[in-house]
Amino acid sequence: MKQILLGLVCPLLVFALLAVLVAVNPNVLTWDISLLRIIHPYANPRLDRVAAIATDFGTELGVIPATLLLIALALWRQRWRIATYLSLTLVGSSLLNRTLKELWHRARPALWEALKPHLDFSFPSGHAMSSMTFVATLILINWNTPLRPWMLIYGSLFVVIIGWTRLYLGVHFPSDILAGWMLSIAFAIGMSLIVFREEPAPNAADSIASEE
């Protein structure tokens, strides 16, 4: 239980710190600007195309259809709690992100012309939240299965790539990405405690991948 609480509380504390810093100084976090300026000189037409395509796998091209497919699979295999958990995290993460964007009203970076401009607000990153929520839920669902190490490895790579695309495209500050990651980890763990009650993840027998 101590590990579960740490996994919930520590990310929330990091998110709270970032939220306060952004509320006080929305566009003048020194490390935000420095990291963006480190990334931008490496821009080139080939990376532009890769980033523009890859970034959408964090939402409509990847995370959303994959989550819907997993929900359908869970329902087909009568894994009701997993289907509920996936549904609540998918919808809840999106609603939480939209709400926080409106509350913080942080403008998008304007250091250079963005390749894929956005008209909504910046904090926290929706792509970072959706990708991390997706990966965190998969890790928790497979916590007691042999798939967990692979989920950790490839899931981490996935969220880092999506986060990089948002910075490379110039549509988010690094603090937007980090805040989205932290909040999503806490949200996924919190929802797992509600849906699965006593366990942070289902037993191996409840996993979608388990045999009847």
N, C-alpha and C. Protein backbone atom coordinates (compact mmCIF):
# COMPACT_ATOMS: atom_id res chain seq x y z
N MET A 1 0.82 -1.21 0.00
CA MET A 1 0.00 0.00 0.00
C MET A 1 0.86 1.27 0.00
N LYS A 2 2.02 1.18 0.69
CA LYS A 2 2.91 2.34 0.73
C LYS A 2 3.38 2.73 -0.67
N GLN A 3 3.72 1.72 -1.48
CA GLN A 3 4.16 1.98 -2.86
C GLN A 3 3.03 2.62 -3.68
N ILE A 4 1.81 2.16 -3.45
CA ILE A 4 0.67 2.71 -4.17
C ILE A 4 0.48 4.18 -3.82
N LEU A 5 0.56 4.47 -2.54
CA LEU A 5 0.37 5.86 -2.10
C LEU A 5 1.48 6.77 -2.61
N LEU A 6 2.71 6.25 -2.63
CA LEU A 6 3.82 7.03 -3.18
C LEU A 6 3.60 7.31 -4.66
N GLY A 7 3.13 6.29 -5.38
CA GLY A 7 2.85 6.45 -6.80
C GLY A 7 1.73 7.42 -7.07
N LEU A 8 0.87 7.62 -6.09
CA LEU A 8 -0.23 8.57 -6.24
C LEU A 8 0.15 9.95 -5.76
N VAL A 9 0.76 10.03 -4.58
CA VAL A 9 1.04 11.32 -3.95
C VAL A 9 2.21 12.05 -4.60
N CYS A 10 3.30 11.33 -4.86
CA CYS A 10 4.49 12.01 -5.41
C CYS A 10 4.22 12.70 -6.75
N PRO A 11 3.60 12.02 -7.72
CA PRO A 11 3.27 12.73 -8.96
C PRO A 11 2.33 13.91 -8.74
N LEU A 12 1.38 13.77 -7.82
CA LEU A 12 0.48 14.89 -7.54
C LEU A 12 1.23 16.09 -6.98
N LEU A 13 2.22 15.84 -6.13
CA LEU A 13 3.00 16.93 -5.57
C LEU A 13 3.81 17.64 -6.66
N VAL A 14 4.40 16.85 -7.56
CA VAL A 14 5.16 17.46 -8.67
C VAL A 14 4.23 18.28 -9.54
N PHE A 15 3.06 17.73 -9.85
CA PHE A 15 2.09 18.47 -10.66
C PHE A 15 1.68 19.76 -9.95
N ALA A 16 1.41 19.68 -8.65
CA ALA A 16 0.98 20.87 -7.90
C ALA A 16 2.06 21.95 -7.93
N LEU A 17 3.32 21.55 -7.80
CA LEU A 17 4.43 22.51 -7.85
C LEU A 17 4.48 23.19 -9.22
N LEU A 18 4.39 22.41 -10.27
CA LEU A 18 4.41 22.97 -11.62
C LEU A 18 3.21 23.88 -11.85
N ALA A 19 2.04 23.47 -11.35
CA ALA A 19 0.83 24.27 -11.53
C ALA A 19 0.98 25.63 -10.87
N VAL A 20 1.58 25.66 -9.69
CA VAL A 20 1.79 26.93 -8.98
C VAL A 20 2.78 27.81 -9.74
N LEU A 21 3.88 27.20 -10.19
CA LEU A 21 4.89 27.97 -10.94
C LEU A 21 4.30 28.57 -12.21
N VAL A 22 3.50 27.78 -12.91
CA VAL A 22 2.90 28.26 -14.16
C VAL A 22 1.86 29.34 -13.87
N ALA A 23 1.11 29.19 -12.79
CA ALA A 23 0.10 30.20 -12.44
C ALA A 23 0.76 31.53 -12.12
N VAL A 24 1.92 31.48 -11.47
CA VAL A 24 2.61 32.71 -11.08
C VAL A 24 3.34 33.33 -12.27
N ASN A 25 4.02 32.49 -13.06
CA ASN A 25 4.81 32.97 -14.20
C ASN A 25 4.50 32.12 -15.43
N PRO A 26 3.40 32.36 -16.10
CA PRO A 26 2.95 31.49 -17.18
C PRO A 26 3.96 31.24 -18.29
N ASN A 27 4.74 32.24 -18.67
CA ASN A 27 5.59 32.10 -19.85
C ASN A 27 7.06 32.42 -19.60
N VAL A 28 7.47 32.46 -18.35
CA VAL A 28 8.86 32.86 -18.08
C VAL A 28 9.60 31.86 -17.21
N LEU A 29 9.25 30.58 -17.31
CA LEU A 29 10.04 29.56 -16.63
C LEU A 29 11.32 29.36 -17.43
N THR A 30 12.45 29.70 -16.84
CA THR A 30 13.72 29.72 -17.56
C THR A 30 14.04 28.39 -18.21
N TRP A 31 13.85 27.30 -17.50
CA TRP A 31 14.20 25.99 -18.06
C TRP A 31 13.27 25.60 -19.20
N ASP A 32 12.04 26.08 -19.18
CA ASP A 32 11.13 25.85 -20.29
C ASP A 32 11.71 26.40 -21.59
N ILE A 33 12.10 27.66 -21.55
CA ILE A 33 12.62 28.34 -22.73
C ILE A 33 13.95 27.72 -23.17
N SER A 34 14.80 27.40 -22.19
CA SER A 34 16.12 26.85 -22.51
C SER A 34 16.01 25.51 -23.23
N LEU A 35 15.13 24.63 -22.76
CA LEU A 35 14.98 23.33 -23.40
C LEU A 35 14.42 23.46 -24.81
N LEU A 36 13.47 24.35 -25.00
CA LEU A 36 12.92 24.54 -26.34
C LEU A 36 13.98 25.06 -27.30
N ARG A 37 14.83 25.94 -26.83
CA ARG A 37 15.88 26.49 -27.68
C ARG A 37 16.97 25.46 -27.98
N ILE A 38 17.12 24.47 -27.12
CA ILE A 38 18.06 23.38 -27.39
C ILE A 38 17.51 22.48 -28.50
N ILE A 39 16.21 22.24 -28.48
CA ILE A 39 15.58 21.34 -29.44
C ILE A 39 15.47 21.95 -30.83
N HIS A 40 15.11 23.22 -30.91
CA HIS A 40 14.75 23.83 -32.20
C HIS A 40 15.86 23.83 -33.25
N PRO A 41 17.13 24.04 -32.90
CA PRO A 41 18.17 24.07 -33.94
C PRO A 41 18.29 22.77 -34.74
N TYR A 42 17.77 21.68 -34.22
CA TYR A 42 17.86 20.40 -34.92
C TYR A 42 16.71 20.19 -35.91
N ALA A 43 15.84 21.17 -36.04
CA ALA A 43 14.69 21.04 -36.94
C ALA A 43 15.15 20.94 -38.39
N ASN A 44 14.49 20.06 -39.13
CA ASN A 44 14.74 19.92 -40.56
C ASN A 44 13.47 19.35 -41.20
N PRO A 45 13.33 19.46 -42.52
CA PRO A 45 12.09 19.02 -43.18
C PRO A 45 11.73 17.56 -42.92
N ARG A 46 12.73 16.69 -42.85
CA ARG A 46 12.43 15.26 -42.62
C ARG A 46 11.86 15.05 -41.22
N LEU A 47 12.51 15.65 -40.21
CA LEU A 47 12.00 15.55 -38.85
C LEU A 47 10.64 16.23 -38.71
N ASP A 48 10.44 17.29 -39.46
CA ASP A 48 9.14 17.97 -39.45
C ASP A 48 8.03 16.99 -39.81
N ARG A 49 8.25 16.23 -40.88
CA ARG A 49 7.23 15.28 -41.34
C ARG A 49 7.02 14.15 -40.33
N VAL A 50 8.13 13.65 -39.78
CA VAL A 50 8.03 12.56 -38.80
C VAL A 50 7.27 13.01 -37.55
N ALA A 51 7.64 14.18 -37.03
CA ALA A 51 7.00 14.68 -35.82
C ALA A 51 5.53 14.98 -36.04
N ALA A 52 5.20 15.54 -37.21
CA ALA A 52 3.80 15.89 -37.50
C ALA A 52 2.91 14.66 -37.55
N ILE A 53 3.46 13.54 -38.04
CA ILE A 53 2.67 12.30 -38.09
C ILE A 53 2.68 11.59 -36.73
N ALA A 54 3.86 11.49 -36.13
CA ALA A 54 4.01 10.74 -34.87
C ALA A 54 3.19 11.34 -33.75
N THR A 55 3.07 12.66 -33.73
CA THR A 55 2.39 13.30 -32.60
C THR A 55 0.93 12.87 -32.49
N ASP A 56 0.28 12.57 -33.62
CA ASP A 56 -1.12 12.20 -33.58
C ASP A 56 -1.36 10.78 -33.05
N PHE A 57 -0.29 10.00 -32.91
CA PHE A 57 -0.45 8.69 -32.29
C PHE A 57 -0.70 8.83 -30.78
N GLY A 58 -0.45 10.02 -30.26
CA GLY A 58 -0.76 10.27 -28.86
C GLY A 58 -2.23 10.50 -28.61
N THR A 59 -3.01 10.65 -29.70
CA THR A 59 -4.45 10.87 -29.54
C THR A 59 -5.23 10.07 -30.58
N GLU A 60 -5.69 10.74 -31.66
CA GLU A 60 -6.66 10.12 -32.55
C GLU A 60 -6.13 8.98 -33.42
N LEU A 61 -4.84 8.95 -33.70
CA LEU A 61 -4.30 7.87 -34.54
C LEU A 61 -3.83 6.66 -33.73
N GLY A 62 -3.66 6.83 -32.44
CA GLY A 62 -3.11 5.74 -31.64
C GLY A 62 -3.86 5.45 -30.36
N VAL A 63 -3.75 6.35 -29.41
CA VAL A 63 -4.28 6.10 -28.07
C VAL A 63 -5.79 5.88 -28.07
N ILE A 64 -6.54 6.74 -28.75
CA ILE A 64 -8.00 6.62 -28.72
C ILE A 64 -8.49 5.33 -29.36
N PRO A 65 -8.10 5.03 -30.61
CA PRO A 65 -8.58 3.76 -31.19
C PRO A 65 -8.08 2.53 -30.44
N ALA A 66 -6.85 2.57 -29.94
CA ALA A 66 -6.32 1.42 -29.19
C ALA A 66 -7.09 1.19 -27.90
N THR A 67 -7.43 2.29 -27.22
CA THR A 67 -8.21 2.16 -25.98
C THR A 67 -9.60 1.62 -26.26
N LEU A 68 -10.24 2.13 -27.32
CA LEU A 68 -11.57 1.64 -27.68
C LEU A 68 -11.53 0.16 -28.05
N LEU A 69 -10.47 -0.25 -28.74
CA LEU A 69 -10.32 -1.66 -29.10
C LEU A 69 -10.16 -2.53 -27.85
N LEU A 70 -9.37 -2.06 -26.90
CA LEU A 70 -9.17 -2.80 -25.66
C LEU A 70 -10.45 -2.87 -24.84
N ILE A 71 -11.23 -1.80 -24.85
CA ILE A 71 -12.51 -1.81 -24.15
C ILE A 71 -13.43 -2.86 -24.77
N ALA A 72 -13.48 -2.88 -26.10
CA ALA A 72 -14.31 -3.86 -26.80
C ALA A 72 -13.85 -5.28 -26.49
N LEU A 73 -12.52 -5.49 -26.46
CA LEU A 73 -11.98 -6.81 -26.15
C LEU A 73 -12.32 -7.22 -24.72
N ALA A 74 -12.20 -6.27 -23.80
CA ALA A 74 -12.53 -6.57 -22.40
C ALA A 74 -14.01 -6.92 -22.25
N LEU A 75 -14.87 -6.20 -22.94
CA LEU A 75 -16.30 -6.51 -22.89
C LEU A 75 -16.58 -7.89 -23.49
N TRP A 76 -15.94 -8.20 -24.59
CA TRP A 76 -16.14 -9.49 -25.25
C TRP A 76 -15.71 -10.64 -24.35
N ARG A 77 -14.61 -10.40 -23.58
CA ARG A 77 -14.12 -11.45 -22.68
C ARG A 77 -14.73 -11.33 -21.29
N GLN A 78 -15.69 -10.45 -21.15
CA GLN A 78 -16.42 -10.26 -19.88
C GLN A 78 -15.50 -9.84 -18.74
N ARG A 79 -14.52 -9.01 -19.07
CA ARG A 79 -13.65 -8.42 -18.06
C ARG A 79 -14.24 -7.04 -17.71
N TRP A 80 -15.31 -7.07 -16.92
CA TRP A 80 -16.12 -5.87 -16.71
C TRP A 80 -15.34 -4.76 -16.01
N ARG A 81 -14.57 -5.11 -15.01
CA ARG A 81 -13.83 -4.08 -14.28
C ARG A 81 -12.77 -3.42 -15.16
N ILE A 82 -12.12 -4.22 -15.99
CA ILE A 82 -11.11 -3.66 -16.89
C ILE A 82 -11.76 -2.74 -17.91
N ALA A 83 -12.90 -3.16 -18.46
CA ALA A 83 -13.61 -2.31 -19.42
C ALA A 83 -14.03 -1.00 -18.76
N THR A 84 -14.51 -1.09 -17.52
CA THR A 84 -14.89 0.11 -16.78
C THR A 84 -13.70 1.01 -16.53
N TYR A 85 -12.61 0.40 -16.11
CA TYR A 85 -11.39 1.16 -15.82
C TYR A 85 -10.87 1.89 -17.06
N LEU A 86 -10.79 1.19 -18.17
CA LEU A 86 -10.32 1.81 -19.41
C LEU A 86 -11.24 2.95 -19.84
N SER A 87 -12.53 2.75 -19.72
CA SER A 87 -13.50 3.77 -20.13
C SER A 87 -13.38 5.02 -19.25
N LEU A 88 -13.29 4.81 -17.95
CA LEU A 88 -13.21 5.94 -17.02
C LEU A 88 -11.91 6.72 -17.19
N THR A 89 -10.80 6.02 -17.40
CA THR A 89 -9.53 6.72 -17.55
C THR A 89 -9.46 7.48 -18.87
N LEU A 90 -10.00 6.88 -19.94
CA LEU A 90 -9.99 7.57 -21.24
C LEU A 90 -10.81 8.85 -21.19
N VAL A 91 -12.04 8.75 -20.72
CA VAL A 91 -12.93 9.91 -20.68
C VAL A 91 -12.49 10.89 -19.60
N GLY A 92 -12.16 10.36 -18.44
CA GLY A 92 -11.79 11.22 -17.31
C GLY A 92 -10.54 12.03 -17.58
N SER A 93 -9.54 11.42 -18.20
CA SER A 93 -8.30 12.12 -18.51
C SER A 93 -8.55 13.28 -19.47
N SER A 94 -9.38 13.04 -20.47
CA SER A 94 -9.70 14.09 -21.44
C SER A 94 -10.45 15.25 -20.78
N LEU A 95 -11.44 14.93 -19.96
CA LEU A 95 -12.21 15.98 -19.29
C LEU A 95 -11.34 16.77 -18.32
N LEU A 96 -10.48 16.05 -17.61
CA LEU A 96 -9.58 16.71 -16.66
C LEU A 96 -8.65 17.66 -17.38
N ASN A 97 -8.12 17.23 -18.51
CA ASN A 97 -7.21 18.07 -19.28
C ASN A 97 -7.91 19.34 -19.78
N ARG A 98 -9.10 19.18 -20.34
CA ARG A 98 -9.85 20.33 -20.85
C ARG A 98 -10.16 21.32 -19.74
N THR A 99 -10.53 20.80 -18.58
CA THR A 99 -10.86 21.67 -17.46
C THR A 99 -9.66 22.47 -16.99
N LEU A 100 -8.52 21.79 -16.85
CA LEU A 100 -7.31 22.47 -16.38
C LEU A 100 -6.80 23.49 -17.38
N LYS A 101 -6.90 23.19 -18.67
CA LYS A 101 -6.50 24.17 -19.68
C LYS A 101 -7.29 25.46 -19.52
N GLU A 102 -8.59 25.33 -19.31
CA GLU A 102 -9.43 26.52 -19.16
C GLU A 102 -9.12 27.27 -17.87
N LEU A 103 -8.78 26.54 -16.82
CA LEU A 103 -8.48 27.18 -15.54
C LEU A 103 -7.15 27.93 -15.57
N TRP A 104 -6.14 27.34 -16.23
CA TRP A 104 -4.80 27.95 -16.21
C TRP A 104 -4.60 28.96 -17.34
N HIS A 105 -5.28 28.80 -18.45
CA HIS A 105 -5.21 29.77 -19.55
C HIS A 105 -3.77 30.08 -19.97
N ARG A 106 -2.94 29.09 -20.02
CA ARG A 106 -1.56 29.34 -20.42
C ARG A 106 -1.45 29.36 -21.94
N ALA A 107 -0.87 30.41 -22.46
CA ALA A 107 -0.72 30.54 -23.91
C ALA A 107 0.32 29.55 -24.44
N ARG A 108 0.16 29.17 -25.69
CA ARG A 108 1.13 28.28 -26.33
C ARG A 108 2.46 29.00 -26.52
N PRO A 109 3.58 28.26 -26.62
CA PRO A 109 4.88 28.90 -26.89
C PRO A 109 4.83 29.69 -28.20
N ALA A 110 5.60 30.76 -28.24
CA ALA A 110 5.66 31.59 -29.45
C ALA A 110 7.10 31.93 -29.80
N LEU A 111 8.00 30.98 -29.56
CA LEU A 111 9.42 31.22 -29.85
C LEU A 111 9.71 31.12 -31.34
N TRP A 112 8.91 30.31 -32.05
CA TRP A 112 9.01 30.19 -33.51
C TRP A 112 7.64 29.78 -34.03
N GLU A 113 7.47 29.84 -35.32
CA GLU A 113 6.18 29.49 -35.90
C GLU A 113 5.95 27.99 -35.81
N ALA A 114 4.86 27.60 -35.16
CA ALA A 114 4.57 26.18 -34.96
C ALA A 114 4.17 25.52 -36.29
N LEU A 115 4.61 24.27 -36.46
CA LEU A 115 4.27 23.53 -37.67
C LEU A 115 2.80 23.13 -37.68
N LYS A 116 2.26 22.86 -36.50
CA LYS A 116 0.84 22.50 -36.37
C LYS A 116 0.23 23.38 -35.28
N PRO A 117 -0.13 24.61 -35.63
CA PRO A 117 -0.63 25.56 -34.62
C PRO A 117 -1.90 25.04 -33.93
N HIS A 118 -2.05 25.42 -32.65
CA HIS A 118 -3.24 25.08 -31.89
C HIS A 118 -3.84 26.37 -31.33
N LEU A 119 -5.16 26.40 -31.24
CA LEU A 119 -5.84 27.60 -30.77
C LEU A 119 -6.23 27.53 -29.30
N ASP A 120 -6.15 26.33 -28.71
CA ASP A 120 -6.53 26.23 -27.30
C ASP A 120 -5.32 26.50 -26.42
N PHE A 121 -5.47 26.25 -25.12
CA PHE A 121 -4.41 26.59 -24.17
C PHE A 121 -3.40 25.46 -24.03
N SER A 122 -2.35 25.72 -23.27
CA SER A 122 -1.17 24.87 -23.29
C SER A 122 -0.98 23.95 -22.09
N PHE A 123 -1.45 24.36 -20.93
CA PHE A 123 -1.13 23.64 -19.68
C PHE A 123 -2.35 22.93 -19.11
N PRO A 124 -2.21 21.61 -18.87
CA PRO A 124 -1.12 20.71 -19.22
C PRO A 124 -1.31 20.14 -20.62
N SER A 125 -0.31 19.46 -21.14
CA SER A 125 -0.38 18.92 -22.49
C SER A 125 -1.40 17.79 -22.58
N GLY A 126 -2.34 17.90 -23.52
CA GLY A 126 -3.33 16.85 -23.73
C GLY A 126 -2.71 15.60 -24.31
N HIS A 127 -1.76 15.75 -25.24
CA HIS A 127 -1.10 14.59 -25.83
C HIS A 127 -0.26 13.84 -24.78
N ALA A 128 0.42 14.61 -23.92
CA ALA A 128 1.20 13.98 -22.86
C ALA A 128 0.29 13.23 -21.90
N MET A 129 -0.85 13.82 -21.59
CA MET A 129 -1.79 13.17 -20.66
C MET A 129 -2.40 11.92 -21.27
N SER A 130 -2.84 12.01 -22.52
CA SER A 130 -3.49 10.85 -23.13
C SER A 130 -2.52 9.69 -23.30
N SER A 131 -1.30 9.98 -23.75
CA SER A 131 -0.33 8.90 -23.95
C SER A 131 0.08 8.28 -22.62
N MET A 132 0.34 9.11 -21.61
CA MET A 132 0.75 8.56 -20.31
C MET A 132 -0.40 7.84 -19.62
N THR A 133 -1.62 8.36 -19.74
CA THR A 133 -2.76 7.67 -19.15
C THR A 133 -2.92 6.30 -19.77
N PHE A 134 -2.80 6.22 -21.09
CA PHE A 134 -2.92 4.95 -21.80
C PHE A 134 -1.87 3.96 -21.32
N VAL A 135 -0.62 4.40 -21.27
CA VAL A 135 0.47 3.51 -20.86
C VAL A 135 0.32 3.10 -19.40
N ALA A 136 0.00 4.06 -18.54
CA ALA A 136 -0.14 3.76 -17.11
C ALA A 136 -1.26 2.75 -16.85
N THR A 137 -2.37 2.90 -17.56
CA THR A 137 -3.46 1.94 -17.37
C THR A 137 -3.06 0.55 -17.84
N LEU A 138 -2.33 0.47 -18.95
CA LEU A 138 -1.88 -0.84 -19.43
C LEU A 138 -0.92 -1.49 -18.44
N ILE A 139 -0.03 -0.69 -17.87
CA ILE A 139 0.90 -1.23 -16.87
C ILE A 139 0.15 -1.74 -15.65
N LEU A 140 -0.81 -0.96 -15.18
CA LEU A 140 -1.57 -1.37 -14.00
C LEU A 140 -2.42 -2.61 -14.28
N ILE A 141 -3.04 -2.65 -15.45
CA ILE A 141 -3.85 -3.82 -15.80
C ILE A 141 -3.00 -5.08 -15.87
N ASN A 142 -1.75 -4.92 -16.30
CA ASN A 142 -0.85 -6.07 -16.45
C ASN A 142 0.17 -6.16 -15.32
N TRP A 143 -0.14 -5.54 -14.19
CA TRP A 143 0.81 -5.47 -13.08
C TRP A 143 1.25 -6.85 -12.60
N ASN A 144 0.35 -7.79 -12.56
CA ASN A 144 0.65 -9.13 -12.06
C ASN A 144 0.83 -10.15 -13.19
N THR A 145 1.23 -9.68 -14.36
CA THR A 145 1.45 -10.57 -15.49
C THR A 145 2.88 -10.40 -16.02
N PRO A 146 3.35 -11.34 -16.82
CA PRO A 146 4.70 -11.23 -17.41
C PRO A 146 4.84 -10.07 -18.39
N LEU A 147 3.73 -9.45 -18.77
CA LEU A 147 3.78 -8.35 -19.73
C LEU A 147 4.25 -7.03 -19.10
N ARG A 148 4.22 -6.95 -17.79
CA ARG A 148 4.53 -5.67 -17.14
C ARG A 148 5.88 -5.08 -17.54
N PRO A 149 7.00 -5.84 -17.52
CA PRO A 149 8.28 -5.23 -17.91
C PRO A 149 8.27 -4.67 -19.32
N TRP A 150 7.61 -5.38 -20.24
CA TRP A 150 7.54 -4.92 -21.62
C TRP A 150 6.69 -3.66 -21.73
N MET A 151 5.63 -3.60 -20.96
CA MET A 151 4.79 -2.40 -20.94
C MET A 151 5.60 -1.20 -20.42
N LEU A 152 6.40 -1.43 -19.41
CA LEU A 152 7.22 -0.36 -18.86
C LEU A 152 8.24 0.16 -19.87
N ILE A 153 8.90 -0.77 -20.55
CA ILE A 153 9.95 -0.39 -21.50
C ILE A 153 9.37 0.33 -22.72
N TYR A 154 8.46 -0.34 -23.41
CA TYR A 154 7.92 0.23 -24.64
C TYR A 154 6.95 1.39 -24.36
N GLY A 155 6.26 1.31 -23.23
CA GLY A 155 5.37 2.40 -22.86
C GLY A 155 6.14 3.68 -22.56
N SER A 156 7.25 3.54 -21.87
CA SER A 156 8.09 4.71 -21.57
C SER A 156 8.62 5.34 -22.85
N LEU A 157 9.07 4.47 -23.77
CA LEU A 157 9.56 4.98 -25.06
C LEU A 157 8.46 5.73 -25.80
N PHE A 158 7.26 5.19 -25.76
CA PHE A 158 6.13 5.81 -26.46
C PHE A 158 5.82 7.20 -25.90
N VAL A 159 5.71 7.32 -24.59
CA VAL A 159 5.35 8.62 -24.01
C VAL A 159 6.46 9.65 -24.22
N VAL A 160 7.71 9.20 -24.21
CA VAL A 160 8.81 10.13 -24.45
C VAL A 160 8.78 10.63 -25.89
N ILE A 161 8.51 9.74 -26.84
CA ILE A 161 8.42 10.15 -28.25
C ILE A 161 7.29 11.16 -28.45
N ILE A 162 6.13 10.87 -27.88
CA ILE A 162 5.00 11.80 -28.01
C ILE A 162 5.34 13.15 -27.36
N GLY A 163 5.96 13.10 -26.20
CA GLY A 163 6.36 14.35 -25.54
C GLY A 163 7.34 15.14 -26.37
N TRP A 164 8.31 14.44 -26.97
CA TRP A 164 9.30 15.11 -27.83
C TRP A 164 8.61 15.78 -29.02
N THR A 165 7.64 15.11 -29.63
CA THR A 165 6.98 15.72 -30.79
C THR A 165 6.29 17.03 -30.43
N ARG A 166 5.73 17.09 -29.23
CA ARG A 166 5.02 18.32 -28.83
C ARG A 166 6.00 19.48 -28.65
N LEU A 167 7.18 19.16 -28.14
CA LEU A 167 8.20 20.20 -27.98
C LEU A 167 8.81 20.58 -29.33
N TYR A 168 9.10 19.58 -30.14
CA TYR A 168 9.69 19.83 -31.45
C TYR A 168 8.77 20.67 -32.32
N LEU A 169 7.47 20.39 -32.27
CA LEU A 169 6.50 21.14 -33.07
C LEU A 169 6.24 22.54 -32.51
N GLY A 170 6.77 22.83 -31.34
CA GLY A 170 6.64 24.17 -30.77
C GLY A 170 5.28 24.50 -30.22
N VAL A 171 4.51 23.47 -29.81
CA VAL A 171 3.15 23.72 -29.32
C VAL A 171 3.02 23.55 -27.81
N HIS A 172 4.12 23.17 -27.15
CA HIS A 172 4.07 23.00 -25.69
C HIS A 172 5.40 23.37 -25.07
N PHE A 173 5.32 23.82 -23.83
CA PHE A 173 6.50 23.99 -22.99
C PHE A 173 6.83 22.65 -22.33
N PRO A 174 8.10 22.42 -21.97
CA PRO A 174 8.45 21.20 -21.24
C PRO A 174 7.63 21.01 -19.96
N SER A 175 7.33 22.09 -19.27
CA SER A 175 6.54 21.97 -18.04
C SER A 175 5.12 21.48 -18.32
N ASP A 176 4.59 21.79 -19.51
CA ASP A 176 3.28 21.26 -19.90
C ASP A 176 3.33 19.74 -20.00
N ILE A 177 4.42 19.24 -20.59
CA ILE A 177 4.59 17.80 -20.80
C ILE A 177 4.76 17.10 -19.45
N LEU A 178 5.67 17.62 -18.63
CA LEU A 178 5.93 17.00 -17.33
C LEU A 178 4.69 17.01 -16.45
N ALA A 179 3.97 18.12 -16.46
CA ALA A 179 2.74 18.20 -15.66
C ALA A 179 1.71 17.18 -16.15
N GLY A 180 1.58 17.04 -17.46
CA GLY A 180 0.65 16.06 -18.02
C GLY A 180 1.01 14.65 -17.62
N TRP A 181 2.30 14.33 -17.67
CA TRP A 181 2.74 12.99 -17.26
C TRP A 181 2.41 12.72 -15.80
N MET A 182 2.78 13.65 -14.93
CA MET A 182 2.59 13.45 -13.49
C MET A 182 1.12 13.30 -13.13
N LEU A 183 0.30 14.16 -13.70
CA LEU A 183 -1.12 14.10 -13.39
C LEU A 183 -1.74 12.81 -13.89
N SER A 184 -1.31 12.34 -15.05
CA SER A 184 -1.86 11.12 -15.63
C SER A 184 -1.49 9.89 -14.81
N ILE A 185 -0.26 9.84 -14.32
CA ILE A 185 0.15 8.72 -13.46
C ILE A 185 -0.72 8.67 -12.22
N ALA A 186 -0.88 9.82 -11.57
CA ALA A 186 -1.70 9.88 -10.36
C ALA A 186 -3.15 9.53 -10.66
N PHE A 187 -3.66 10.02 -11.78
CA PHE A 187 -5.04 9.77 -12.14
C PHE A 187 -5.28 8.28 -12.42
N ALA A 188 -4.37 7.66 -13.16
CA ALA A 188 -4.52 6.24 -13.48
C ALA A 188 -4.47 5.39 -12.22
N ILE A 189 -3.56 5.71 -11.30
CA ILE A 189 -3.48 4.96 -10.05
C ILE A 189 -4.72 5.20 -9.20
N GLY A 190 -5.15 6.46 -9.12
CA GLY A 190 -6.34 6.77 -8.33
C GLY A 190 -7.58 6.05 -8.84
N MET A 191 -7.75 6.03 -10.15
CA MET A 191 -8.91 5.34 -10.72
C MET A 191 -8.82 3.84 -10.50
N SER A 192 -7.60 3.29 -10.52
CA SER A 192 -7.45 1.85 -10.30
C SER A 192 -7.84 1.49 -8.87
N LEU A 193 -7.53 2.38 -7.92
CA LEU A 193 -7.91 2.12 -6.53
C LEU A 193 -9.42 2.14 -6.36
N ILE A 194 -10.09 2.97 -7.15
CA ILE A 194 -11.56 3.05 -7.08
C ILE A 194 -12.20 1.83 -7.75
N VAL A 195 -11.73 1.50 -8.94
CA VAL A 195 -12.36 0.42 -9.72
C VAL A 195 -12.01 -0.96 -9.16
N PHE A 196 -10.73 -1.14 -8.81
CA PHE A 196 -10.30 -2.45 -8.35
C PHE A 196 -10.28 -2.58 -6.83
N ARG A 197 -10.69 -1.51 -6.15
CA ARG A 197 -10.86 -1.51 -4.70
C ARG A 197 -9.55 -1.79 -3.96
N GLU A 198 -9.30 -3.05 -3.65
CA GLU A 198 -8.19 -3.40 -2.78
C GLU A 198 -6.85 -3.49 -3.50
N GLU A 199 -6.90 -3.64 -4.82
CA GLU A 199 -5.67 -3.84 -5.59
C GLU A 199 -5.41 -2.64 -6.49
N PRO A 200 -4.11 -2.25 -6.71
CA PRO A 200 -3.80 -1.19 -7.66
C PRO A 200 -3.98 -1.65 -9.08
N ALA A 201 -4.14 -2.97 -9.27
CA ALA A 201 -4.33 -3.56 -10.60
C ALA A 201 -5.06 -4.87 -10.42
N PRO A 202 -5.71 -5.39 -11.46
CA PRO A 202 -6.40 -6.66 -11.33
C PRO A 202 -5.42 -7.81 -11.16
N ASN A 203 -5.93 -8.92 -10.64
CA ASN A 203 -5.13 -10.12 -10.58
C ASN A 203 -4.84 -10.62 -11.98
N ALA A 204 -3.85 -11.48 -12.12
CA ALA A 204 -3.50 -12.00 -13.44
C ALA A 204 -4.70 -12.67 -14.11
N ALA A 205 -5.54 -13.28 -13.32
CA ALA A 205 -6.71 -13.97 -13.88
C ALA A 205 -7.71 -13.02 -14.47
N ASP A 206 -7.66 -11.75 -14.07
CA ASP A 206 -8.60 -10.75 -14.58
C ASP A 206 -8.07 -10.01 -15.79
N SER A 207 -6.80 -10.22 -16.14
CA SER A 207 -6.22 -9.49 -17.26
C SER A 207 -6.89 -9.86 -18.57
N ILE A 208 -6.94 -8.91 -19.48
CA ILE A 208 -7.54 -9.16 -20.80
C ILE A 208 -6.82 -10.31 -21.48
N ALA A 209 -5.51 -10.37 -21.30
CA ALA A 209 -4.70 -11.36 -22.01
C ALA A 209 -4.78 -12.75 -21.39
N SER A 210 -5.38 -12.88 -20.21
CA SER A 210 -5.40 -14.17 -19.55
C SER A 210 -6.33 -15.14 -20.25
N GLU A 211 -6.07 -16.41 -20.10
CA GLU A 211 -6.92 -17.43 -20.70
C GLU A 211 -8.10 -17.72 -19.80
N GLU A 212 -9.16 -18.17 -20.41
CA GLU A 212 -10.35 -18.56 -19.64
C GLU A 212 -10.02 -19.81 -18.81
